[in-house]
Amino acid sequence: MDPSLRLRVGEFATVLAGVVLGVVGLFTSGNVALIILSAGLVVIALASLTGSALLVVAHEREKRAARANARWSRAMRHVSDIALTIADIRASENADGETPLVRAGKACAALGTAFTAVTGSQCRVSVKELYVAEGLGNEPAVRTLVYPTTLSSPDPRDADLVRDNTDFAEIVEGATNFFSNDLVADIQSGYRNSHWTSAKMREWTANGEYPYRSTIVLPVNARVENGATSQGPFDTVGFLCVDSVDADVFDRAHDLAVAEIIARMLYIVWPLLTAPTSPRTD
């Protein structure tokens, strides 16, 4: 055990003993002065207990951040290669006979591998296109361009309306990203997912096998021409999604920044990815 954490655990045990002794004194002493003294001891001990618990939590968060930083430091060479692969799509649209979308799919698969190595949990990456669903009242919707190979291909007739999916809806409404380390818990606070039907939720709750529980969703966007300042509006064309089957996987500070780099790169080649000659990847 880490020495500083061992010290905190010792403090925690000592303070807990103080709470117990104080409570015992409250209920066993008939002396008013002793009762007041015991009550004060309980208050002080509880305050110390809370402080110790907060310090332990902060220590664990600090260790986790340092671990993520160190792992990404080692993985940044791979991230650079992924970014170069995407940039090369623009320079050579059909290298080795592969379409831009196929090459982007390989880059996203490599990004999923990098996230898996850094987080220690199986991660996958998908890319969604934002479009207008003409057959559904011209509402904003999303469809998959790059799909994780670990899942079956979606039915092209399916339309995922933005309003039925909290992650996309919040970004369309102005959020810079959607981040969650426990989507199942977020359902209690209003999280919506058009694929998470009542029947599916009952099934997953029974077997404990949710398709994913942690997720990072970022817009694929850039500022429009007349918004070159830091306050200018964005042109959002799609979404980059990174998810994992496990809860509490991602680090907001480090993982979010890496995913954002790739999302920015995808915007540069987006017209090539959505061209009619580029079939979606399965």
C-alpha atoms as a PDB file:
ATOM      1  CA  MET A   1       0.000   0.000   0.000  1.00  0.00           C
ATOM      2  CA  ASP A   2       1.192   3.534  -0.764  1.00  0.00           C
ATOM      3  CA  PRO A   3       2.792   5.022   2.425  1.00  0.00           C
ATOM      4  CA  SER A   4       0.713   8.189   2.371  1.00  0.00           C
ATOM      5  CA  LEU A   5      -2.454   6.181   1.830  1.00  0.00           C
ATOM      6  CA  ARG A   6      -1.477   3.863   4.698  1.00  0.00           C
ATOM      7  CA  LEU A   7      -1.161   6.957   6.901  1.00  0.00           C
ATOM      8  CA  ARG A   8      -4.612   8.117   5.884  1.00  0.00           C
ATOM      9  CA  VAL A   9      -6.078   4.731   6.687  1.00  0.00           C
ATOM     10  CA  GLY A  10      -4.462   4.896  10.118  1.00  0.00           C
ATOM     11  CA  GLU A  11      -5.926   8.339  10.709  1.00  0.00           C
ATOM     12  CA  PHE A  12      -9.297   7.053   9.574  1.00  0.00           C
ATOM     13  CA  ALA A  13      -9.174   4.181  12.082  1.00  0.00           C
ATOM     14  CA  THR A  14      -8.109   6.474  14.936  1.00  0.00           C
ATOM     15  CA  VAL A  15     -10.861   8.973  14.256  1.00  0.00           C
ATOM     16  CA  LEU A  16     -13.431   6.204  13.935  1.00  0.00           C
ATOM     17  CA  ALA A  17     -12.387   4.941  17.368  1.00  0.00           C
ATOM     18  CA  GLY A  18     -12.940   8.470  18.695  1.00  0.00           C
ATOM     19  CA  VAL A  19     -16.442   8.522  17.274  1.00  0.00           C
ATOM     20  CA  VAL A  20     -17.251   5.172  18.878  1.00  0.00           C
ATOM     21  CA  LEU A  21     -15.900   6.222  22.284  1.00  0.00           C
ATOM     22  CA  GLY A  22     -17.752   9.503  22.105  1.00  0.00           C
ATOM     23  CA  VAL A  23     -21.045   7.823  21.307  1.00  0.00           C
ATOM     24  CA  VAL A  24     -20.527   5.298  24.117  1.00  0.00           C
ATOM     25  CA  GLY A  25     -19.851   8.172  26.513  1.00  0.00           C
ATOM     26  CA  LEU A  26     -23.051   9.920  25.478  1.00  0.00           C
ATOM     27  CA  PHE A  27     -25.232   6.944  26.329  1.00  0.00           C
ATOM     28  CA  THR A  28     -23.442   5.581  29.394  1.00  0.00           C
ATOM     29  CA  SER A  29     -22.583   8.668  31.393  1.00  0.00           C
ATOM     30  CA  GLY A  30     -25.062  10.373  33.700  1.00  0.00           C
ATOM     31  CA  ASN A  31     -22.747  13.329  34.274  1.00  0.00           C
ATOM     32  CA  VAL A  32     -23.851  16.395  32.299  1.00  0.00           C
ATOM     33  CA  ALA A  33     -20.294  17.651  31.862  1.00  0.00           C
ATOM     34  CA  LEU A  34     -19.170  14.274  30.535  1.00  0.00           C
ATOM     35  CA  ILE A  35     -22.124  14.146  28.154  1.00  0.00           C
ATOM     36  CA  ILE A  36     -21.225  17.589  26.774  1.00  0.00           C
ATOM     37  CA  LEU A  37     -17.577  16.551  26.482  1.00  0.00           C
ATOM     38  CA  SER A  38     -18.550  13.329  24.700  1.00  0.00           C
ATOM     39  CA  ALA A  39     -20.817  15.230  22.298  1.00  0.00           C
ATOM     40  CA  GLY A  40     -17.972  17.596  21.473  1.00  0.00           C
ATOM     41  CA  LEU A  41     -15.661  14.645  20.907  1.00  0.00           C
ATOM     42  CA  VAL A  42     -18.164  13.100  18.495  1.00  0.00           C
ATOM     43  CA  VAL A  43     -18.463  16.356  16.510  1.00  0.00           C
ATOM     44  CA  ILE A  44     -14.689  16.792  16.295  1.00  0.00           C
ATOM     45  CA  ALA A  45     -14.167  13.139  15.401  1.00  0.00           C
ATOM     46  CA  LEU A  46     -16.814  13.247  12.671  1.00  0.00           C
ATOM     47  CA  ALA A  47     -15.250  16.362  11.175  1.00  0.00           C
ATOM     48  CA  SER A  48     -11.839  14.688  11.197  1.00  0.00           C
ATOM     49  CA  LEU A  49     -13.357  11.522   9.739  1.00  0.00           C
ATOM     50  CA  THR A  50     -14.859  13.501   6.855  1.00  0.00           C
ATOM     51  CA  GLY A  51     -11.577  15.282   6.248  1.00  0.00           C
ATOM     52  CA  SER A  52      -9.632  12.026   6.201  1.00  0.00           C
ATOM     53  CA  ALA A  53     -12.104  10.450   3.783  1.00  0.00           C
ATOM     54  CA  LEU A  54     -11.857  13.447   1.440  1.00  0.00           C
ATOM     55  CA  LEU A  55      -8.074  13.284   1.527  1.00  0.00           C
ATOM     56  CA  VAL A  56      -8.137   9.584   0.634  1.00  0.00           C
ATOM     57  CA  VAL A  57     -10.452  10.295  -2.323  1.00  0.00           C
ATOM     58  CA  ALA A  58      -8.246  13.185  -3.479  1.00  0.00           C
ATOM     59  CA  HIS A  59      -5.167  10.974  -3.198  1.00  0.00           C
ATOM     60  CA  GLU A  60      -6.734   8.285  -5.353  1.00  0.00           C
ATOM     61  CA  ARG A  61      -7.803  10.846  -7.965  1.00  0.00           C
ATOM     62  CA  GLU A  62      -4.294  12.275  -8.043  1.00  0.00           C
ATOM     63  CA  LYS A  63      -2.792   8.821  -8.531  1.00  0.00           C
ATOM     64  CA  ARG A  64      -5.261   8.049 -11.305  1.00  0.00           C
ATOM     65  CA  ALA A  65      -4.509  11.319 -13.107  1.00  0.00           C
ATOM     66  CA  ALA A  66      -0.765  10.701 -12.848  1.00  0.00           C
ATOM     67  CA  ARG A  67      -1.225   7.173 -14.197  1.00  0.00           C
ATOM     68  CA  ALA A  68      -3.303   8.425 -17.154  1.00  0.00           C
ATOM     69  CA  ASN A  69      -0.754  11.134 -17.887  1.00  0.00           C
ATOM     70  CA  ALA A  70       2.120   8.641 -17.866  1.00  0.00           C
ATOM     71  CA  ARG A  71       0.295   6.156 -20.079  1.00  0.00           C
ATOM     72  CA  TRP A  72      -0.704   8.777 -22.631  1.00  0.00           C
ATOM     73  CA  SER A  73       2.884  10.028 -22.685  1.00  0.00           C
ATOM     74  CA  ARG A  74       3.908   6.588 -23.899  1.00  0.00           C
ATOM     75  CA  ALA A  75       0.950   6.322 -26.303  1.00  0.00           C
ATOM     76  CA  MET A  76       1.244   9.744 -27.954  1.00  0.00           C
ATOM     77  CA  ARG A  77       3.471   8.300 -30.693  1.00  0.00           C
ATOM     78  CA  HIS A  78       0.520   6.140 -31.731  1.00  0.00           C
ATOM     79  CA  VAL A  79      -1.874   9.092 -31.525  1.00  0.00           C
ATOM     80  CA  SER A  80       0.444  11.061 -33.795  1.00  0.00           C
ATOM     81  CA  ASP A  81       0.416   8.189 -36.304  1.00  0.00           C
ATOM     82  CA  ILE A  82      -3.390   8.084 -36.170  1.00  0.00           C
ATOM     83  CA  ALA A  83      -3.604  11.821 -36.853  1.00  0.00           C
ATOM     84  CA  LEU A  84      -1.162  11.458 -39.761  1.00  0.00           C
ATOM     85  CA  THR A  85      -3.262   8.632 -41.227  1.00  0.00           C
ATOM     86  CA  ILE A  86      -6.292  10.908 -41.229  1.00  0.00           C
ATOM     87  CA  ALA A  87      -4.340  13.846 -42.667  1.00  0.00           C
ATOM     88  CA  ASP A  88      -3.007  11.617 -45.451  1.00  0.00           C
ATOM     89  CA  ILE A  89      -6.575  10.916 -46.575  1.00  0.00           C
ATOM     90  CA  ARG A  90      -6.722  14.456 -47.908  1.00  0.00           C
ATOM     91  CA  ALA A  91      -3.352  14.170 -49.613  1.00  0.00           C
ATOM     92  CA  SER A  92      -4.089  10.840 -51.286  1.00  0.00           C
ATOM     93  CA  GLU A  93      -7.750   9.883 -51.372  1.00  0.00           C
ATOM     94  CA  ASN A  94      -7.393   6.297 -52.560  1.00  0.00           C
ATOM     95  CA  ALA A  95      -3.997   5.062 -51.429  1.00  0.00           C
ATOM     96  CA  ASP A  96      -3.517   1.313 -51.895  1.00  0.00           C
ATOM     97  CA  GLY A  97      -7.013   1.133 -53.377  1.00  0.00           C
ATOM     98  CA  GLU A  98      -8.677   1.939 -50.037  1.00  0.00           C
ATOM     99  CA  THR A  99     -11.452   4.514 -49.833  1.00  0.00           C
ATOM    100  CA  PRO A 100     -11.118   7.465 -47.441  1.00  0.00           C
ATOM    101  CA  LEU A 101     -13.771   5.960 -45.194  1.00  0.00           C
ATOM    102  CA  VAL A 102     -11.970   2.623 -44.928  1.00  0.00           C
ATOM    103  CA  ARG A 103      -8.765   4.401 -44.006  1.00  0.00           C
ATOM    104  CA  ALA A 104     -10.589   6.528 -41.437  1.00  0.00           C
ATOM    105  CA  GLY A 105     -12.064   3.329 -40.030  1.00  0.00           C
ATOM    106  CA  LYS A 106      -8.587   1.878 -39.549  1.00  0.00           C
ATOM    107  CA  ALA A 107      -7.474   5.068 -37.807  1.00  0.00           C
ATOM    108  CA  CYS A 108     -10.433   4.871 -35.434  1.00  0.00           C
ATOM    109  CA  ALA A 109      -9.746   1.203 -34.729  1.00  0.00           C
ATOM    110  CA  ALA A 110      -6.174   2.170 -33.830  1.00  0.00           C
ATOM    111  CA  LEU A 111      -7.522   4.908 -31.560  1.00  0.00           C
ATOM    112  CA  GLY A 112      -9.685   2.328 -29.804  1.00  0.00           C
ATOM    113  CA  THR A 113      -6.597   0.171 -29.294  1.00  0.00           C
ATOM    114  CA  ALA A 114      -4.717   3.140 -27.815  1.00  0.00           C
ATOM    115  CA  PHE A 115      -7.557   3.883 -25.415  1.00  0.00           C
ATOM    116  CA  THR A 116      -7.687   0.216 -24.403  1.00  0.00           C
ATOM    117  CA  ALA A 117      -3.969   0.246 -23.612  1.00  0.00           C
ATOM    118  CA  VAL A 118      -4.181   3.479 -21.609  1.00  0.00           C
ATOM    119  CA  THR A 119      -7.341   2.733 -19.622  1.00  0.00           C
ATOM    120  CA  GLY A 120      -6.847  -1.004 -19.149  1.00  0.00           C
ATOM    121  CA  SER A 121     -10.439  -1.551 -20.283  1.00  0.00           C
ATOM    122  CA  GLN A 122     -11.681  -2.656 -23.712  1.00  0.00           C
ATOM    123  CA  CYS A 123     -12.590   0.477 -25.683  1.00  0.00           C
ATOM    124  CA  ARG A 124     -14.058   1.038 -29.118  1.00  0.00           C
ATOM    125  CA  VAL A 125     -14.478   4.056 -31.369  1.00  0.00           C
ATOM    126  CA  SER A 126     -17.273   4.958 -33.774  1.00  0.00           C
ATOM    127  CA  VAL A 127     -18.028   7.977 -35.942  1.00  0.00           C
ATOM    128  CA  LYS A 128     -21.542   9.302 -36.511  1.00  0.00           C
ATOM    129  CA  GLU A 129     -22.785  11.649 -39.215  1.00  0.00           C
ATOM    130  CA  LEU A 130     -25.239  14.418 -38.319  1.00  0.00           C
ATOM    131  CA  TYR A 131     -27.926  14.816 -40.974  1.00  0.00           C
ATOM    132  CA  VAL A 132     -31.559  15.813 -41.515  1.00  0.00           C
ATOM    133  CA  ALA A 133     -34.043  12.922 -41.461  1.00  0.00           C
ATOM    134  CA  GLU A 134     -36.350  13.932 -44.292  1.00  0.00           C
ATOM    135  CA  GLY A 135     -38.821  11.134 -43.651  1.00  0.00           C
ATOM    136  CA  LEU A 136     -39.165  12.071 -39.973  1.00  0.00           C
ATOM    137  CA  GLY A 137     -40.214  15.680 -40.090  1.00  0.00           C
ATOM    138  CA  ASN A 138     -36.780  16.953 -41.171  1.00  0.00           C
ATOM    139  CA  GLU A 139     -35.451  16.459 -37.663  1.00  0.00           C
ATOM    140  CA  PRO A 140     -31.727  16.289 -36.849  1.00  0.00           C
ATOM    141  CA  ALA A 141     -30.575  12.671 -36.719  1.00  0.00           C
ATOM    142  CA  VAL A 142     -27.385  10.628 -36.693  1.00  0.00           C
ATOM    143  CA  ARG A 143     -26.203   7.638 -38.688  1.00  0.00           C
ATOM    144  CA  THR A 144     -23.040   5.594 -38.397  1.00  0.00           C
ATOM    145  CA  LEU A 145     -20.096   6.154 -40.732  1.00  0.00           C
ATOM    146  CA  VAL A 146     -17.458   4.119 -38.901  1.00  0.00           C
ATOM    147  CA  TYR A 147     -18.771   1.241 -36.838  1.00  0.00           C
ATOM    148  CA  PRO A 148     -16.793  -0.837 -34.296  1.00  0.00           C
ATOM    149  CA  THR A 149     -16.045  -4.285 -35.679  1.00  0.00           C
ATOM    150  CA  THR A 150     -17.040  -5.761 -32.308  1.00  0.00           C
ATOM    151  CA  LEU A 151     -20.683  -4.978 -33.038  1.00  0.00           C
ATOM    152  CA  SER A 152     -23.083  -6.017 -35.769  1.00  0.00           C
ATOM    153  CA  SER A 153     -23.685  -3.506 -38.534  1.00  0.00           C
ATOM    154  CA  PRO A 154     -26.684  -1.195 -38.004  1.00  0.00           C
ATOM    155  CA  ASP A 155     -29.723  -1.338 -40.228  1.00  0.00           C
ATOM    156  CA  PRO A 156     -29.329   1.604 -42.666  1.00  0.00           C
ATOM    157  CA  ARG A 157     -33.071   2.224 -42.393  1.00  0.00           C
ATOM    158  CA  ASP A 158     -32.761   3.032 -38.697  1.00  0.00           C
ATOM    159  CA  ALA A 159     -32.786   6.711 -37.760  1.00  0.00           C
ATOM    160  CA  ASP A 160     -31.390   7.833 -34.427  1.00  0.00           C
ATOM    161  CA  LEU A 161     -33.053  11.156 -33.781  1.00  0.00           C
ATOM    162  CA  VAL A 162     -30.905  13.642 -31.912  1.00  0.00           C
ATOM    163  CA  ARG A 163     -33.709  14.476 -29.476  1.00  0.00           C
ATOM    164  CA  ASP A 164     -33.862  10.828 -28.364  1.00  0.00           C
ATOM    165  CA  ASN A 165     -30.171  10.704 -27.415  1.00  0.00           C
ATOM    166  CA  THR A 166     -28.869  12.854 -24.570  1.00  0.00           C
ATOM    167  CA  ASP A 167     -25.248  12.840 -25.721  1.00  0.00           C
ATOM    168  CA  PHE A 168     -25.966  14.171 -29.219  1.00  0.00           C
ATOM    169  CA  ALA A 169     -28.747  16.491 -28.059  1.00  0.00           C
ATOM    170  CA  GLU A 170     -26.575  18.249 -25.477  1.00  0.00           C
ATOM    171  CA  ILE A 171     -23.804  18.845 -28.006  1.00  0.00           C
ATOM    172  CA  VAL A 172     -26.202  20.138 -30.668  1.00  0.00           C
ATOM    173  CA  GLU A 173     -27.592  22.486 -28.036  1.00  0.00           C
ATOM    174  CA  GLY A 174     -24.134  23.908 -27.357  1.00  0.00           C
ATOM    175  CA  ALA A 175     -22.206  21.573 -25.036  1.00  0.00           C
ATOM    176  CA  THR A 176     -18.551  21.034 -25.964  1.00  0.00           C
ATOM    177  CA  ASN A 177     -18.733  17.305 -25.199  1.00  0.00           C
ATOM    178  CA  PHE A 178     -20.643  14.547 -23.427  1.00  0.00           C
ATOM    179  CA  PHE A 179     -18.741  12.615 -20.755  1.00  0.00           C
ATOM    180  CA  SER A 180     -20.009   9.847 -18.515  1.00  0.00           C
ATOM    181  CA  ASN A 181     -18.326   7.134 -16.490  1.00  0.00           C
ATOM    182  CA  ASP A 182     -21.594   5.387 -15.599  1.00  0.00           C
ATOM    183  CA  LEU A 183     -24.457   5.723 -18.073  1.00  0.00           C
ATOM    184  CA  VAL A 184     -26.581   3.215 -16.160  1.00  0.00           C
ATOM    185  CA  ALA A 185     -26.521   5.499 -13.117  1.00  0.00           C
ATOM    186  CA  ASP A 186     -27.162   8.521 -15.367  1.00  0.00           C
ATOM    187  CA  ILE A 187     -30.487   7.037 -16.448  1.00  0.00           C
ATOM    188  CA  GLN A 188     -31.820   8.052 -13.042  1.00  0.00           C
ATOM    189  CA  SER A 189     -31.051  11.689 -13.875  1.00  0.00           C
ATOM    190  CA  GLY A 190     -32.621  11.622 -17.331  1.00  0.00           C
ATOM    191  CA  TYR A 191     -30.058  10.079 -19.708  1.00  0.00           C
ATOM    192  CA  ARG A 192     -31.739   8.938 -22.948  1.00  0.00           C
ATOM    193  CA  ASN A 193     -30.494   6.508 -25.599  1.00  0.00           C
ATOM    194  CA  SER A 194     -32.715   5.456 -28.484  1.00  0.00           C
ATOM    195  CA  HIS A 195     -31.142   1.983 -28.493  1.00  0.00           C
ATOM    196  CA  TRP A 196     -31.671   1.444 -24.763  1.00  0.00           C
ATOM    197  CA  THR A 197     -35.293   0.333 -24.888  1.00  0.00           C
ATOM    198  CA  SER A 198     -37.254  -0.827 -21.842  1.00  0.00           C
ATOM    199  CA  ALA A 199     -36.990  -4.439 -22.986  1.00  0.00           C
ATOM    200  CA  LYS A 200     -33.239  -4.177 -23.493  1.00  0.00           C
ATOM    201  CA  MET A 201     -32.781  -2.497 -20.123  1.00  0.00           C
ATOM    202  CA  ARG A 202     -34.635  -5.319 -18.359  1.00  0.00           C
ATOM    203  CA  GLU A 203     -32.451  -7.863 -20.150  1.00  0.00           C
ATOM    204  CA  TRP A 204     -29.194  -6.066 -19.368  1.00  0.00           C
ATOM    205  CA  THR A 205     -30.183  -5.455 -15.759  1.00  0.00           C
ATOM    206  CA  ALA A 206     -30.916  -9.157 -15.344  1.00  0.00           C
ATOM    207  CA  ASN A 207     -27.610 -10.385 -16.801  1.00  0.00           C
ATOM    208  CA  GLY A 208     -25.457  -7.352 -15.929  1.00  0.00           C
ATOM    209  CA  GLU A 209     -24.141  -7.147 -19.503  1.00  0.00           C
ATOM    210  CA  TYR A 210     -24.677  -3.609 -20.757  1.00  0.00           C
ATOM    211  CA  PRO A 211     -23.293  -2.769 -24.234  1.00  0.00           C
ATOM    212  CA  TYR A 212     -21.248   0.050 -22.671  1.00  0.00           C
ATOM    213  CA  ARG A 213     -21.242   2.064 -19.468  1.00  0.00           C
ATOM    214  CA  SER A 214     -18.559   4.714 -19.953  1.00  0.00           C
ATOM    215  CA  THR A 215     -18.492   7.077 -22.917  1.00  0.00           C
ATOM    216  CA  ILE A 216     -16.889  10.149 -24.402  1.00  0.00           C
ATOM    217  CA  VAL A 217     -18.755  11.890 -27.238  1.00  0.00           C
ATOM    218  CA  LEU A 218     -17.206  14.831 -29.066  1.00  0.00           C
ATOM    219  CA  PRO A 219     -18.457  16.926 -31.969  1.00  0.00           C
ATOM    220  CA  VAL A 220     -16.650  16.756 -35.270  1.00  0.00           C
ATOM    221  CA  ASN A 221     -16.707  20.468 -35.972  1.00  0.00           C
ATOM    222  CA  ALA A 222     -14.857  23.679 -36.743  1.00  0.00           C
ATOM    223  CA  ARG A 223     -15.644  27.369 -36.639  1.00  0.00           C
ATOM    224  CA  VAL A 224     -17.526  28.732 -39.640  1.00  0.00           C
ATOM    225  CA  GLU A 225     -15.813  31.265 -41.884  1.00  0.00           C
ATOM    226  CA  ASN A 226     -17.491  34.293 -40.349  1.00  0.00           C
ATOM    227  CA  GLY A 227     -16.697  33.083 -36.849  1.00  0.00           C
ATOM    228  CA  ALA A 228     -12.925  33.102 -36.820  1.00  0.00           C
ATOM    229  CA  THR A 229     -12.786  34.546 -33.305  1.00  0.00           C
ATOM    230  CA  SER A 230     -12.849  32.457 -30.137  1.00  0.00           C
ATOM    231  CA  GLN A 231     -16.553  33.290 -29.784  1.00  0.00           C
ATOM    232  CA  GLY A 232     -17.564  32.311 -33.310  1.00  0.00           C
ATOM    233  CA  PRO A 233     -20.182  29.634 -34.087  1.00  0.00           C
ATOM    234  CA  PHE A 234     -19.286  26.064 -34.996  1.00  0.00           C
ATOM    235  CA  ASP A 235     -20.220  23.910 -37.968  1.00  0.00           C
ATOM    236  CA  THR A 236     -20.942  20.481 -36.484  1.00  0.00           C
ATOM    237  CA  VAL A 237     -21.053  17.669 -39.044  1.00  0.00           C
ATOM    238  CA  GLY A 238     -20.850  14.591 -36.832  1.00  0.00           C
ATOM    239  CA  PHE A 239     -19.601  12.962 -33.655  1.00  0.00           C
ATOM    240  CA  LEU A 240     -16.644  10.915 -32.479  1.00  0.00           C
ATOM    241  CA  CYS A 241     -17.671   8.379 -29.826  1.00  0.00           C
ATOM    242  CA  VAL A 242     -15.365   6.409 -27.528  1.00  0.00           C
ATOM    243  CA  ASP A 243     -16.963   3.924 -25.162  1.00  0.00           C
ATOM    244  CA  SER A 244     -16.204   1.026 -22.860  1.00  0.00           C
ATOM    245  CA  VAL A 245     -18.268  -1.781 -21.384  1.00  0.00           C
ATOM    246  CA  ASP A 246     -16.902  -0.993 -17.904  1.00  0.00           C
ATOM    247  CA  ALA A 247     -17.845   1.848 -15.566  1.00  0.00           C
ATOM    248  CA  ASP A 248     -15.405   4.483 -14.272  1.00  0.00           C
ATOM    249  CA  VAL A 249     -12.972   4.063 -17.160  1.00  0.00           C
ATOM    250  CA  PHE A 250     -12.138   7.498 -18.550  1.00  0.00           C
ATOM    251  CA  ASP A 251     -10.154  10.396 -17.159  1.00  0.00           C
ATOM    252  CA  ARG A 252     -11.806  13.681 -18.086  1.00  0.00           C
ATOM    253  CA  ALA A 253      -8.612  15.744 -18.243  1.00  0.00           C
ATOM    254  CA  HIS A 254      -6.414  13.419 -20.306  1.00  0.00           C
ATOM    255  CA  ASP A 255      -8.702  11.103 -22.304  1.00  0.00           C
ATOM    256  CA  LEU A 256     -11.026  13.881 -23.413  1.00  0.00           C
ATOM    257  CA  ALA A 257      -8.158  15.941 -24.831  1.00  0.00           C
ATOM    258  CA  VAL A 258      -6.760  13.062 -26.885  1.00  0.00           C
ATOM    259  CA  ALA A 259     -10.160  12.207 -28.372  1.00  0.00           C
ATOM    260  CA  GLU A 260     -10.709  15.869 -29.223  1.00  0.00           C
ATOM    261  CA  ILE A 261      -7.513  15.950 -31.319  1.00  0.00           C
ATOM    262  CA  ILE A 262      -8.805  13.145 -33.538  1.00  0.00           C
ATOM    263  CA  ALA A 263     -12.285  14.686 -33.781  1.00  0.00           C
ATOM    264  CA  ARG A 264     -10.705  17.917 -35.068  1.00  0.00           C
ATOM    265  CA  MET A 265      -8.691  15.961 -37.610  1.00  0.00           C
ATOM    266  CA  LEU A 266     -11.792  14.181 -38.904  1.00  0.00           C
ATOM    267  CA  TYR A 267     -13.441  17.496 -39.743  1.00  0.00           C
ATOM    268  CA  ILE A 268     -10.641  18.267 -42.215  1.00  0.00           C
ATOM    269  CA  VAL A 269     -11.404  15.173 -44.318  1.00  0.00           C
ATOM    270  CA  TRP A 270     -15.155  14.989 -43.639  1.00  0.00           C
ATOM    271  CA  PRO A 271     -16.292  15.772 -47.231  1.00  0.00           C
ATOM    272  CA  LEU A 272     -14.244  12.805 -48.431  1.00  0.00           C
ATOM    273  CA  LEU A 273     -15.735  10.493 -45.804  1.00  0.00           C
ATOM    274  CA  THR A 274     -19.327  11.356 -46.663  1.00  0.00           C
ATOM    275  CA  ALA A 275     -18.920  11.336 -50.459  1.00  0.00           C
ATOM    276  CA  PRO A 276     -21.395   9.022 -52.259  1.00  0.00           C
ATOM    277  CA  THR A 277     -18.510   6.794 -53.373  1.00  0.00           C
ATOM    278  CA  SER A 278     -17.522   6.054 -49.788  1.00  0.00           C
ATOM    279  CA  PRO A 279     -19.776   3.271 -48.434  1.00  0.00           C
ATOM    280  CA  ARG A 280     -20.069   3.052 -44.678  1.00  0.00           C
ATOM    281  CA  THR A 281     -17.720   0.705 -42.896  1.00  0.00           C
ATOM    282  CA  ASP A 282     -19.068  -2.354 -41.110  1.00  0.00           C
END
